[in-house]
Amino acid sequence: MDSLYSNFLNSPSLIHTTTLPMINIEHRRWSFTNEEIKMHAGFAWMGTGSFLPRNKAQRLLEQAASGNLAKDRTRVVDMYFSIWTNQYPYQLINGLTPLDQKNGWSTEGLDAASRLHDALKANPEISEKDYFPRDEEVPLVKDRHTRSPCHNDKCLFKTSIDPFPDPKEVVFNNDLQSIDEQNQKFYALDFPTNEFWDKFSFIHAVDHDPATCWNSYKSPQAGDSFGLQMVTATPMRRLTINSSKSLSYLDGSFSVMVSDHRGEQWITCKHTARPSSHSMQLDISCPSSTALPKGFHNVKIQFNANLDKPIEVCGMEVDGMQV
């Protein structure tokens, strides 16, 4: 939870949750967007670890009162909660052990989206009639690079490479009869299968299991990156990337960069790459900086050229410590 809380502190206005890959992929499909009425909402399962701003919890009480929710719907109010913030939640993927979900799951998300759509369409601006915010909060989905907590809870895996389409590519007009119709709209786009995401989701880059791997799904382009955000400032001399395949083809195609906890100003470091059959060791030397007196929080591998195939990462080590 330390790593999840660290991410929450960077974007404290949003709901932050951690969940399984299969719930995460549902979260990406259950995004409801209509830019004409300032609708940009998303589902998040709150039951496996969440941080959220107090004012959003207080607002839910006002929304529920004005929305006239029936008693049978209040028992699944978490489904309404995340969607009624009218924001896409910030959801991280974790290697959790699922419990029996019999009688514990619901598809009230479509009803929540329908009620939100009608309220936004009826009232262009926020009022005491609905209490739904209109402005989309930052960071936008395209700028959210934090993906999964490390197994040791001392860092977060980050990458700019998102295998999923932008939620704005699917417009919600409140004309669906079932949540499956919403799913099909996303499946019609370039969308990973459940089987692929269960096997190759972000968490497998940092789950302390060399037999599992993250696969980027898309080929990295110039400017794309992946790396780690440390919970505390960390001096680093060596970063090792493990894979199921040879990484020698990457040599010369990337830079190593570091920054503070905000990740706003990046410093390029010198590095020496030592590739082997299934790994690449990077000896790192960063210039002195008053902005990083005790080490850095973020380190990333940023590509300088387009690659012709997806990258696969099965583990990472910081100065010999497997994360």
C-alpha atoms as a PDB file:
ATOM      1  CA  MET A   1       0.000   0.000   0.000  1.00  0.00           C
ATOM      2  CA  ASP A   2       3.020   2.327   0.398  1.00  0.00           C
ATOM      3  CA  SER A   3       3.525   2.432  -3.362  1.00  0.00           C
ATOM      4  CA  LEU A   4      -0.187   2.997  -4.046  1.00  0.00           C
ATOM      5  CA  TYR A   5      -0.215   5.843  -1.529  1.00  0.00           C
ATOM      6  CA  SER A   6       2.870   7.359  -3.172  1.00  0.00           C
ATOM      7  CA  ASN A   7       0.985   7.481  -6.455  1.00  0.00           C
ATOM      8  CA  PHE A   8      -2.066   8.976  -4.737  1.00  0.00           C
ATOM      9  CA  LEU A   9       0.061  11.805  -3.351  1.00  0.00           C
ATOM     10  CA  ASN A  10       1.093  12.728  -6.901  1.00  0.00           C
ATOM     11  CA  SER A  11      -2.564  12.991  -8.043  1.00  0.00           C
ATOM     12  CA  PRO A  12      -4.658  13.389  -4.866  1.00  0.00           C
ATOM     13  CA  SER A  13      -7.844  14.586  -6.575  1.00  0.00           C
ATOM     14  CA  LEU A  14      -8.496  11.183  -8.227  1.00  0.00           C
ATOM     15  CA  ILE A  15      -9.656   7.803  -6.940  1.00  0.00           C
ATOM     16  CA  HIS A  16      -6.691   5.400  -6.840  1.00  0.00           C
ATOM     17  CA  THR A  17      -7.247   1.653  -6.691  1.00  0.00           C
ATOM     18  CA  THR A  18      -5.234  -1.524  -7.090  1.00  0.00           C
ATOM     19  CA  THR A  19      -6.768  -4.611  -8.628  1.00  0.00           C
ATOM     20  CA  LEU A  20      -6.337  -7.760 -10.725  1.00  0.00           C
ATOM     21  CA  PRO A  21      -5.486  -7.704 -14.442  1.00  0.00           C
ATOM     22  CA  MET A  22      -8.923  -9.061 -15.369  1.00  0.00           C
ATOM     23  CA  ILE A  23     -10.703  -6.356 -13.369  1.00  0.00           C
ATOM     24  CA  ASN A  24      -8.389  -3.737 -14.852  1.00  0.00           C
ATOM     25  CA  ILE A  25      -9.329  -4.745 -18.388  1.00  0.00           C
ATOM     26  CA  GLU A  26     -12.996  -4.396 -17.453  1.00  0.00           C
ATOM     27  CA  HIS A  27     -12.191  -0.974 -16.031  1.00  0.00           C
ATOM     28  CA  ARG A  28     -10.810   0.035 -19.422  1.00  0.00           C
ATOM     29  CA  ARG A  29     -13.951  -1.147 -21.228  1.00  0.00           C
ATOM     30  CA  TRP A  30     -16.314   0.383 -18.679  1.00  0.00           C
ATOM     31  CA  SER A  31     -15.255   3.927 -19.521  1.00  0.00           C
ATOM     32  CA  PHE A  32     -18.148   6.215 -20.476  1.00  0.00           C
ATOM     33  CA  THR A  33     -17.338   9.274 -22.553  1.00  0.00           C
ATOM     34  CA  ASN A  34     -19.343  11.963 -24.277  1.00  0.00           C
ATOM     35  CA  GLU A  35     -17.303  15.121 -24.770  1.00  0.00           C
ATOM     36  CA  GLU A  36     -20.312  17.169 -25.893  1.00  0.00           C
ATOM     37  CA  ILE A  37     -21.780  16.998 -22.383  1.00  0.00           C
ATOM     38  CA  LYS A  38     -18.413  16.836 -20.537  1.00  0.00           C
ATOM     39  CA  MET A  39     -18.821  13.180 -19.594  1.00  0.00           C
ATOM     40  CA  HIS A  40     -15.554  11.344 -18.833  1.00  0.00           C
ATOM     41  CA  ALA A  41     -16.363   8.669 -16.274  1.00  0.00           C
ATOM     42  CA  GLY A  42     -14.991   5.241 -15.454  1.00  0.00           C
ATOM     43  CA  PHE A  43     -15.574   2.187 -13.328  1.00  0.00           C
ATOM     44  CA  ALA A  44     -13.217   1.173 -10.519  1.00  0.00           C
ATOM     45  CA  TRP A  45     -13.592  -1.750  -8.149  1.00  0.00           C
ATOM     46  CA  MET A  46     -12.873  -0.333  -4.703  1.00  0.00           C
ATOM     47  CA  GLY A  47     -12.706  -3.572  -2.740  1.00  0.00           C
ATOM     48  CA  THR A  48      -9.034  -4.503  -3.098  1.00  0.00           C
ATOM     49  CA  GLY A  49      -7.318  -1.368  -1.844  1.00  0.00           C
ATOM     50  CA  SER A  50      -8.144   2.269  -2.573  1.00  0.00           C
ATOM     51  CA  PHE A  51      -7.224   5.825  -1.691  1.00  0.00           C
ATOM     52  CA  LEU A  52      -9.612   8.664  -2.433  1.00  0.00           C
ATOM     53  CA  PRO A  53     -10.120  12.317  -1.524  1.00  0.00           C
ATOM     54  CA  ARG A  54     -12.583  12.918   1.324  1.00  0.00           C
ATOM     55  CA  ASN A  55     -14.567  15.505  -0.621  1.00  0.00           C
ATOM     56  CA  LYS A  56     -15.520  12.883  -3.228  1.00  0.00           C
ATOM     57  CA  ALA A  57     -16.916  10.593  -0.532  1.00  0.00           C
ATOM     58  CA  GLN A  58     -18.890  13.498   0.917  1.00  0.00           C
ATOM     59  CA  ARG A  59     -20.188  14.404  -2.528  1.00  0.00           C
ATOM     60  CA  LEU A  60     -21.485  10.851  -3.038  1.00  0.00           C
ATOM     61  CA  LEU A  61     -23.942  11.385  -0.189  1.00  0.00           C
ATOM     62  CA  GLU A  62     -25.272  14.482  -1.943  1.00  0.00           C
ATOM     63  CA  GLN A  63     -25.442  12.667  -5.270  1.00  0.00           C
ATOM     64  CA  ALA A  64     -27.263   9.686  -3.800  1.00  0.00           C
ATOM     65  CA  ALA A  65     -29.830  11.962  -2.152  1.00  0.00           C
ATOM     66  CA  SER A  66     -30.511  13.900  -5.357  1.00  0.00           C
ATOM     67  CA  GLY A  67     -30.443  10.745  -7.509  1.00  0.00           C
ATOM     68  CA  ASN A  68     -33.148   8.912  -5.535  1.00  0.00           C
ATOM     69  CA  LEU A  69     -31.321   5.585  -5.414  1.00  0.00           C
ATOM     70  CA  ALA A  70     -33.479   2.653  -4.367  1.00  0.00           C
ATOM     71  CA  LYS A  71     -32.405   0.667  -1.310  1.00  0.00           C
ATOM     72  CA  ASP A  72     -31.389  -2.352  -3.393  1.00  0.00           C
ATOM     73  CA  ARG A  73     -28.957  -0.138  -5.315  1.00  0.00           C
ATOM     74  CA  THR A  74     -27.285   1.411  -2.287  1.00  0.00           C
ATOM     75  CA  ARG A  75     -25.643  -1.939  -1.512  1.00  0.00           C
ATOM     76  CA  VAL A  76     -23.584  -1.567  -4.707  1.00  0.00           C
ATOM     77  CA  VAL A  77     -22.973   2.142  -4.233  1.00  0.00           C
ATOM     78  CA  ASP A  78     -19.262   1.677  -4.991  1.00  0.00           C
ATOM     79  CA  MET A  79     -20.252   1.128  -8.626  1.00  0.00           C
ATOM     80  CA  TYR A  80     -22.031   4.473  -8.617  1.00  0.00           C
ATOM     81  CA  PHE A  81     -19.279   6.152  -6.620  1.00  0.00           C
ATOM     82  CA  SER A  82     -16.443   5.874  -9.124  1.00  0.00           C
ATOM     83  CA  ILE A  83     -18.611   6.662 -12.157  1.00  0.00           C
ATOM     84  CA  TRP A  84     -20.404   9.539 -10.467  1.00  0.00           C
ATOM     85  CA  THR A  85     -17.124  11.339  -9.817  1.00  0.00           C
ATOM     86  CA  ASN A  86     -17.230  11.858 -13.611  1.00  0.00           C
ATOM     87  CA  GLN A  87     -13.518  11.059 -13.774  1.00  0.00           C
ATOM     88  CA  TYR A  88     -11.512   8.120 -15.082  1.00  0.00           C
ATOM     89  CA  PRO A  89     -10.110   6.478 -11.919  1.00  0.00           C
ATOM     90  CA  TYR A  90      -6.380   5.826 -11.579  1.00  0.00           C
ATOM     91  CA  GLN A  91      -6.132   2.048 -11.366  1.00  0.00           C
ATOM     92  CA  LEU A  92      -2.948   0.042 -10.776  1.00  0.00           C
ATOM     93  CA  ILE A  93      -2.588  -3.666 -11.503  1.00  0.00           C
ATOM     94  CA  ASN A  94      -1.461  -5.947  -8.692  1.00  0.00           C
ATOM     95  CA  GLY A  95      -0.856  -9.662  -8.244  1.00  0.00           C
ATOM     96  CA  LEU A  96      -3.754 -10.265  -5.883  1.00  0.00           C
ATOM     97  CA  THR A  97      -5.371 -13.563  -4.922  1.00  0.00           C
ATOM     98  CA  PRO A  98      -9.056 -13.491  -5.938  1.00  0.00           C
ATOM     99  CA  LEU A  99     -11.706 -14.579  -3.438  1.00  0.00           C
ATOM    100  CA  ASP A 100     -15.052 -16.214  -4.184  1.00  0.00           C
ATOM    101  CA  GLN A 101     -17.159 -13.577  -5.941  1.00  0.00           C
ATOM    102  CA  LYS A 102     -20.479 -15.451  -5.808  1.00  0.00           C
ATOM    103  CA  ASN A 103     -23.270 -12.926  -5.236  1.00  0.00           C
ATOM    104  CA  GLY A 104     -20.621 -10.243  -4.838  1.00  0.00           C
ATOM    105  CA  TRP A 105     -20.508  -8.800  -8.351  1.00  0.00           C
ATOM    106  CA  SER A 106     -22.772  -6.367 -10.088  1.00  0.00           C
ATOM    107  CA  THR A 107     -23.269  -4.602 -13.411  1.00  0.00           C
ATOM    108  CA  GLU A 108     -24.827  -1.468 -11.957  1.00  0.00           C
ATOM    109  CA  GLY A 109     -22.175   0.523 -13.789  1.00  0.00           C
ATOM    110  CA  LEU A 110     -24.444   0.929 -16.799  1.00  0.00           C
ATOM    111  CA  ASP A 111     -27.236   2.355 -14.644  1.00  0.00           C
ATOM    112  CA  ALA A 112     -24.752   4.711 -12.990  1.00  0.00           C
ATOM    113  CA  ALA A 113     -23.514   5.879 -16.399  1.00  0.00           C
ATOM    114  CA  SER A 114     -27.070   6.297 -17.678  1.00  0.00           C
ATOM    115  CA  ARG A 115     -28.080   8.491 -14.736  1.00  0.00           C
ATOM    116  CA  LEU A 116     -24.891  10.535 -15.054  1.00  0.00           C
ATOM    117  CA  HIS A 117     -25.435  11.039 -18.791  1.00  0.00           C
ATOM    118  CA  ASP A 118     -28.989  12.291 -18.292  1.00  0.00           C
ATOM    119  CA  ALA A 119     -27.954  14.665 -15.499  1.00  0.00           C
ATOM    120  CA  LEU A 120     -25.110  16.172 -17.533  1.00  0.00           C
ATOM    121  CA  LYS A 121     -27.293  16.541 -20.606  1.00  0.00           C
ATOM    122  CA  ALA A 122     -30.084  18.233 -18.645  1.00  0.00           C
ATOM    123  CA  ASN A 123     -27.802  20.685 -16.828  1.00  0.00           C
ATOM    124  CA  PRO A 124     -24.726  21.941 -18.712  1.00  0.00           C
ATOM    125  CA  GLU A 125     -23.251  23.387 -15.496  1.00  0.00           C
ATOM    126  CA  ILE A 126     -22.970  21.902 -11.991  1.00  0.00           C
ATOM    127  CA  SER A 127     -25.791  22.816  -9.614  1.00  0.00           C
ATOM    128  CA  GLU A 128     -27.560  21.651  -6.485  1.00  0.00           C
ATOM    129  CA  LYS A 129     -29.686  19.477  -8.766  1.00  0.00           C
ATOM    130  CA  ASP A 130     -27.011  16.884  -9.432  1.00  0.00           C
ATOM    131  CA  TYR A 131     -23.593  17.686  -7.815  1.00  0.00           C
ATOM    132  CA  PHE A 132     -21.701  16.139 -10.761  1.00  0.00           C
ATOM    133  CA  PRO A 133     -18.417  17.896 -11.666  1.00  0.00           C
ATOM    134  CA  ARG A 134     -17.938  18.863 -15.305  1.00  0.00           C
ATOM    135  CA  ASP A 135     -14.203  19.446 -15.699  1.00  0.00           C
ATOM    136  CA  GLU A 136     -11.850  16.545 -16.385  1.00  0.00           C
ATOM    137  CA  GLU A 137      -9.097  16.343 -13.779  1.00  0.00           C
ATOM    138  CA  VAL A 138      -5.416  15.825 -14.511  1.00  0.00           C
ATOM    139  CA  PRO A 139      -3.402  13.844 -15.202  1.00  0.00           C
ATOM    140  CA  LEU A 140      -5.345  12.819 -18.304  1.00  0.00           C
ATOM    141  CA  VAL A 141      -5.415   9.122 -19.153  1.00  0.00           C
ATOM    142  CA  LYS A 142      -2.755   9.578 -21.847  1.00  0.00           C
ATOM    143  CA  ASP A 143      -0.408  11.115 -19.251  1.00  0.00           C
ATOM    144  CA  ARG A 144      -0.803   8.397 -16.581  1.00  0.00           C
ATOM    145  CA  HIS A 145       2.338   6.307 -16.786  1.00  0.00           C
ATOM    146  CA  THR A 146       2.243   4.606 -13.359  1.00  0.00           C
ATOM    147  CA  ARG A 147       0.990   1.049 -13.898  1.00  0.00           C
ATOM    148  CA  SER A 148       1.774  -1.426 -11.086  1.00  0.00           C
ATOM    149  CA  PRO A 149       3.282  -1.588  -7.589  1.00  0.00           C
ATOM    150  CA  CYS A 150       6.487  -3.584  -7.259  1.00  0.00           C
ATOM    151  CA  HIS A 151       6.361  -6.891  -5.397  1.00  0.00           C
ATOM    152  CA  ASN A 152       8.509  -5.461  -2.580  1.00  0.00           C
ATOM    153  CA  ASP A 153       6.258  -2.347  -2.308  1.00  0.00           C
ATOM    154  CA  LYS A 154       9.327  -0.121  -2.590  1.00  0.00           C
ATOM    155  CA  CYS A 155       8.630   1.101  -6.108  1.00  0.00           C
ATOM    156  CA  LEU A 156       6.138   1.413  -8.955  1.00  0.00           C
ATOM    157  CA  PHE A 157       6.484   0.209 -12.518  1.00  0.00           C
ATOM    158  CA  LYS A 158       5.923   2.984 -15.055  1.00  0.00           C
ATOM    159  CA  THR A 159       5.606   3.072 -18.820  1.00  0.00           C
ATOM    160  CA  SER A 160       4.212   5.459 -21.398  1.00  0.00           C
ATOM    161  CA  ILE A 161       3.202   2.511 -23.583  1.00  0.00           C
ATOM    162  CA  ASP A 162      -0.516   1.907 -23.112  1.00  0.00           C
ATOM    163  CA  PRO A 163      -1.944  -1.101 -25.018  1.00  0.00           C
ATOM    164  CA  PHE A 164      -5.496   0.184 -24.692  1.00  0.00           C
ATOM    165  CA  PRO A 165      -7.275   2.735 -26.904  1.00  0.00           C
ATOM    166  CA  ASP A 166      -8.100   6.182 -25.558  1.00  0.00           C
ATOM    167  CA  PRO A 167     -11.530   5.992 -23.824  1.00  0.00           C
ATOM    168  CA  LYS A 168     -12.624   9.003 -25.877  1.00  0.00           C
ATOM    169  CA  GLU A 169     -12.663   6.785 -28.982  1.00  0.00           C
ATOM    170  CA  VAL A 170     -15.973   5.291 -27.807  1.00  0.00           C
ATOM    171  CA  VAL A 171     -18.887   7.717 -27.395  1.00  0.00           C
ATOM    172  CA  PHE A 172     -21.593   6.924 -24.838  1.00  0.00           C
ATOM    173  CA  ASN A 173     -25.039   8.153 -25.914  1.00  0.00           C
ATOM    174  CA  ASN A 174     -27.082   6.282 -23.300  1.00  0.00           C
ATOM    175  CA  ASP A 175     -28.567   3.996 -25.931  1.00  0.00           C
ATOM    176  CA  LEU A 176     -27.270   0.636 -24.702  1.00  0.00           C
ATOM    177  CA  GLN A 177     -29.406  -2.226 -23.467  1.00  0.00           C
ATOM    178  CA  SER A 178     -26.605  -4.127 -21.731  1.00  0.00           C
ATOM    179  CA  ILE A 179     -23.023  -3.685 -20.589  1.00  0.00           C
ATOM    180  CA  ASP A 180     -21.996  -6.241 -23.213  1.00  0.00           C
ATOM    181  CA  GLU A 181     -22.850  -3.710 -25.922  1.00  0.00           C
ATOM    182  CA  GLN A 182     -20.346  -1.344 -24.297  1.00  0.00           C
ATOM    183  CA  ASN A 183     -17.733  -4.112 -24.280  1.00  0.00           C
ATOM    184  CA  GLN A 184     -18.257  -4.816 -27.973  1.00  0.00           C
ATOM    185  CA  LYS A 185     -17.588  -1.189 -28.910  1.00  0.00           C
ATOM    186  CA  PHE A 186     -14.125  -1.432 -27.355  1.00  0.00           C
ATOM    187  CA  TYR A 187     -13.455  -4.887 -28.806  1.00  0.00           C
ATOM    188  CA  ALA A 188     -14.015  -3.378 -32.247  1.00  0.00           C
ATOM    189  CA  LEU A 189     -10.892  -1.261 -31.649  1.00  0.00           C
ATOM    190  CA  ASP A 190      -7.305  -2.488 -31.254  1.00  0.00           C
ATOM    191  CA  PHE A 191      -7.919  -3.945 -27.789  1.00  0.00           C
ATOM    192  CA  PRO A 192      -5.912  -6.719 -26.037  1.00  0.00           C
ATOM    193  CA  THR A 193      -7.700  -9.984 -25.374  1.00  0.00           C
ATOM    194  CA  ASN A 194      -8.387 -11.162 -21.825  1.00  0.00           C
ATOM    195  CA  GLU A 195      -5.943 -14.029 -22.365  1.00  0.00           C
ATOM    196  CA  PHE A 196      -3.148 -11.706 -23.465  1.00  0.00           C
ATOM    197  CA  TRP A 197      -3.661  -9.284 -20.570  1.00  0.00           C
ATOM    198  CA  ASP A 198      -3.816 -12.016 -17.948  1.00  0.00           C
ATOM    199  CA  LYS A 199      -0.470 -13.326 -19.194  1.00  0.00           C
ATOM    200  CA  PHE A 200       1.373 -10.101 -20.092  1.00  0.00           C
ATOM    201  CA  SER A 201      -0.044  -7.244 -17.967  1.00  0.00           C
ATOM    202  CA  PHE A 202       2.146  -4.570 -16.345  1.00  0.00           C
ATOM    203  CA  ILE A 203       2.458  -6.328 -12.993  1.00  0.00           C
ATOM    204  CA  HIS A 204       4.533  -9.125 -14.522  1.00  0.00           C
ATOM    205  CA  ALA A 205       7.473  -6.761 -15.003  1.00  0.00           C
ATOM    206  CA  VAL A 206       7.840  -6.361 -11.229  1.00  0.00           C
ATOM    207  CA  ASP A 207       6.125  -9.373  -9.603  1.00  0.00           C
ATOM    208  CA  HIS A 208       9.400 -11.050  -8.507  1.00  0.00           C
ATOM    209  CA  ASP A 209       8.651 -14.015 -10.780  1.00  0.00           C
ATOM    210  CA  PRO A 210      11.139 -14.537 -13.651  1.00  0.00           C
ATOM    211  CA  ALA A 211       8.683 -16.896 -15.371  1.00  0.00           C
ATOM    212  CA  THR A 212       6.158 -14.096 -16.003  1.00  0.00           C
ATOM    213  CA  CYS A 213       6.658 -11.094 -18.283  1.00  0.00           C
ATOM    214  CA  TRP A 214       5.136  -7.788 -19.290  1.00  0.00           C
ATOM    215  CA  ASN A 215       4.706  -7.461 -23.040  1.00  0.00           C
ATOM    216  CA  SER A 216       4.182  -3.938 -24.409  1.00  0.00           C
ATOM    217  CA  TYR A 217       1.660  -5.208 -27.022  1.00  0.00           C
ATOM    218  CA  LYS A 218       2.576  -2.244 -29.244  1.00  0.00           C
ATOM    219  CA  SER A 219       6.046  -1.599 -30.647  1.00  0.00           C
ATOM    220  CA  PRO A 220       7.723   1.233 -28.690  1.00  0.00           C
ATOM    221  CA  GLN A 221       8.107   4.484 -30.595  1.00  0.00           C
ATOM    222  CA  ALA A 222      10.709   7.215 -30.200  1.00  0.00           C
ATOM    223  CA  GLY A 223       9.936   9.045 -26.933  1.00  0.00           C
ATOM    224  CA  ASP A 224       8.251   6.034 -25.319  1.00  0.00           C
ATOM    225  CA  SER A 225       9.701   4.835 -22.031  1.00  0.00           C
ATOM    226  CA  PHE A 226       9.504   2.375 -19.145  1.00  0.00           C
ATOM    227  CA  GLY A 227      11.090   2.391 -15.703  1.00  0.00           C
ATOM    228  CA  LEU A 228      10.581   2.652 -11.971  1.00  0.00           C
ATOM    229  CA  GLN A 229       9.406   5.198  -9.434  1.00  0.00           C
ATOM    230  CA  MET A 230      10.993   4.540  -6.050  1.00  0.00           C
ATOM    231  CA  VAL A 231       9.001   5.257  -2.883  1.00  0.00           C
ATOM    232  CA  THR A 232      12.052   6.932  -1.309  1.00  0.00           C
ATOM    233  CA  ALA A 233      14.992   8.749  -2.902  1.00  0.00           C
ATOM    234  CA  THR A 234      17.473   6.115  -4.051  1.00  0.00           C
ATOM    235  CA  PRO A 235      21.069   6.428  -5.246  1.00  0.00           C
ATOM    236  CA  MET A 236      21.471   3.979  -8.129  1.00  0.00           C
ATOM    237  CA  ARG A 237      24.588   2.729  -9.886  1.00  0.00           C
ATOM    238  CA  ARG A 238      23.218  -0.309 -11.683  1.00  0.00           C
ATOM    239  CA  LEU A 239      19.868  -1.204 -13.250  1.00  0.00           C
ATOM    240  CA  THR A 240      19.274  -4.689 -14.635  1.00  0.00           C
ATOM    241  CA  ILE A 241      16.440  -5.573 -17.014  1.00  0.00           C
ATOM    242  CA  ASN A 242      15.530  -9.244 -17.395  1.00  0.00           C
ATOM    243  CA  SER A 243      13.600 -10.714 -20.308  1.00  0.00           C
ATOM    244  CA  SER A 244      12.633 -14.024 -21.871  1.00  0.00           C
ATOM    245  CA  LYS A 245      14.463 -12.900 -25.018  1.00  0.00           C
ATOM    246  CA  SER A 246      17.760 -11.308 -25.894  1.00  0.00           C
ATOM    247  CA  LEU A 247      17.814  -7.530 -25.372  1.00  0.00           C
ATOM    248  CA  SER A 248      21.021  -6.913 -27.316  1.00  0.00           C
ATOM    249  CA  TYR A 249      19.012  -5.312 -30.134  1.00  0.00           C
ATOM    250  CA  LEU A 250      18.162  -2.435 -27.765  1.00  0.00           C
ATOM    251  CA  ASP A 251      21.779  -1.327 -27.277  1.00  0.00           C
ATOM    252  CA  GLY A 252      22.241   2.182 -28.644  1.00  0.00           C
ATOM    253  CA  SER A 253      18.513   2.826 -29.084  1.00  0.00           C
ATOM    254  CA  PHE A 254      17.732   4.389 -25.703  1.00  0.00           C
ATOM    255  CA  SER A 255      18.773   6.881 -23.025  1.00  0.00           C
ATOM    256  CA  VAL A 256      18.715   6.472 -19.234  1.00  0.00           C
ATOM    257  CA  MET A 257      17.085   9.383 -17.411  1.00  0.00           C
ATOM    258  CA  VAL A 258      16.331  10.203 -13.751  1.00  0.00           C
ATOM    259  CA  SER A 259      14.200  12.775 -11.899  1.00  0.00           C
ATOM    260  CA  ASP A 260      12.728  13.702  -8.531  1.00  0.00           C
ATOM    261  CA  HIS A 261       9.414  12.378  -7.179  1.00  0.00           C
ATOM    262  CA  ARG A 262       7.324  14.630  -9.442  1.00  0.00           C
ATOM    263  CA  GLY A 263       8.978  13.415 -12.610  1.00  0.00           C
ATOM    264  CA  GLU A 264       8.835  16.853 -14.210  1.00  0.00           C
ATOM    265  CA  GLN A 265      12.509  17.652 -14.852  1.00  0.00           C
ATOM    266  CA  TRP A 266      14.646  14.816 -16.179  1.00  0.00           C
ATOM    267  CA  ILE A 267      18.428  14.456 -16.184  1.00  0.00           C
ATOM    268  CA  THR A 268      20.129  12.265 -18.792  1.00  0.00           C
ATOM    269  CA  CYS A 269      22.736   9.907 -17.334  1.00  0.00           C
ATOM    270  CA  LYS A 270      25.696   8.197 -18.911  1.00  0.00           C
ATOM    271  CA  HIS A 271      25.300   4.448 -19.102  1.00  0.00           C
ATOM    272  CA  THR A 272      27.188   1.372 -20.208  1.00  0.00           C
ATOM    273  CA  ALA A 273      25.041  -1.518 -21.422  1.00  0.00           C
ATOM    274  CA  ARG A 274      26.168  -5.098 -20.778  1.00  0.00           C
ATOM    275  CA  PRO A 275      23.677  -7.396 -22.539  1.00  0.00           C
ATOM    276  CA  SER A 276      23.654 -11.145 -21.949  1.00  0.00           C
ATOM    277  CA  SER A 277      21.384 -13.917 -23.230  1.00  0.00           C
ATOM    278  CA  HIS A 278      18.231 -12.817 -21.373  1.00  0.00           C
ATOM    279  CA  SER A 279      19.142  -9.621 -19.555  1.00  0.00           C
ATOM    280  CA  MET A 280      20.813  -6.253 -19.858  1.00  0.00           C
ATOM    281  CA  GLN A 281      22.850  -4.683 -17.069  1.00  0.00           C
ATOM    282  CA  LEU A 282      23.137  -0.899 -17.169  1.00  0.00           C
ATOM    283  CA  ASP A 283      25.973   0.748 -15.266  1.00  0.00           C
ATOM    284  CA  ILE A 284      24.697   4.279 -14.612  1.00  0.00           C
ATOM    285  CA  SER A 285      26.554   7.509 -13.889  1.00  0.00           C
ATOM    286  CA  CYS A 286      24.387  10.590 -13.385  1.00  0.00           C
ATOM    287  CA  PRO A 287      25.665  14.187 -13.186  1.00  0.00           C
ATOM    288  CA  SER A 288      25.444  15.939  -9.822  1.00  0.00           C
ATOM    289  CA  SER A 289      22.310  18.002  -9.319  1.00  0.00           C
ATOM    290  CA  THR A 290      21.041  20.200  -6.503  1.00  0.00           C
ATOM    291  CA  ALA A 291      17.560  18.927  -7.378  1.00  0.00           C
ATOM    292  CA  LEU A 292      18.598  15.364  -6.469  1.00  0.00           C
ATOM    293  CA  PRO A 293      20.836  15.649  -3.372  1.00  0.00           C
ATOM    294  CA  LYS A 294      19.913  12.226  -1.933  1.00  0.00           C
ATOM    295  CA  GLY A 295      19.343  10.277  -5.107  1.00  0.00           C
ATOM    296  CA  PHE A 296      16.328  10.144  -7.357  1.00  0.00           C
ATOM    297  CA  HIS A 297      12.788   8.792  -7.265  1.00  0.00           C
ATOM    298  CA  ASN A 298      12.293   8.071 -10.965  1.00  0.00           C
ATOM    299  CA  VAL A 299      14.459   6.247 -13.481  1.00  0.00           C
ATOM    300  CA  LYS A 300      13.394   5.466 -17.038  1.00  0.00           C
ATOM    301  CA  ILE A 301      14.629   3.921 -20.242  1.00  0.00           C
ATOM    302  CA  GLN A 302      13.546   6.273 -23.038  1.00  0.00           C
ATOM    303  CA  PHE A 303      13.730   5.081 -26.638  1.00  0.00           C
ATOM    304  CA  ASN A 304      15.480   7.294 -29.191  1.00  0.00           C
ATOM    305  CA  ALA A 305      14.106   5.448 -32.223  1.00  0.00           C
ATOM    306  CA  ASN A 306      11.073   3.431 -33.253  1.00  0.00           C
ATOM    307  CA  LEU A 307      11.317  -0.307 -32.591  1.00  0.00           C
ATOM    308  CA  ASP A 308       9.867  -2.880 -34.969  1.00  0.00           C
ATOM    309  CA  LYS A 309       8.458  -5.226 -32.311  1.00  0.00           C
ATOM    310  CA  PRO A 310       7.016  -5.096 -28.769  1.00  0.00           C
ATOM    311  CA  ILE A 311       9.389  -5.257 -25.828  1.00  0.00           C
ATOM    312  CA  GLU A 312       9.165  -7.906 -23.117  1.00  0.00           C
ATOM    313  CA  VAL A 313      10.351  -7.375 -19.528  1.00  0.00           C
ATOM    314  CA  CYS A 314      10.290 -10.221 -16.982  1.00  0.00           C
ATOM    315  CA  GLY A 315      11.942  -8.498 -14.025  1.00  0.00           C
ATOM    316  CA  MET A 316      14.052  -5.545 -12.917  1.00  0.00           C
ATOM    317  CA  GLU A 317      16.854  -5.172 -10.386  1.00  0.00           C
ATOM    318  CA  VAL A 318      18.201  -2.036  -8.696  1.00  0.00           C
ATOM    319  CA  ASP A 319      21.809  -2.462  -7.527  1.00  0.00           C
ATOM    320  CA  GLY A 320      21.216  -6.207  -7.273  1.00  0.00           C
ATOM    321  CA  MET A 321      17.862  -5.895  -5.436  1.00  0.00           C
ATOM    322  CA  GLN A 322      15.093  -7.609  -7.379  1.00  0.00           C
ATOM    323  CA  VAL A 323      11.975  -5.440  -7.188  1.00  0.00           C
END
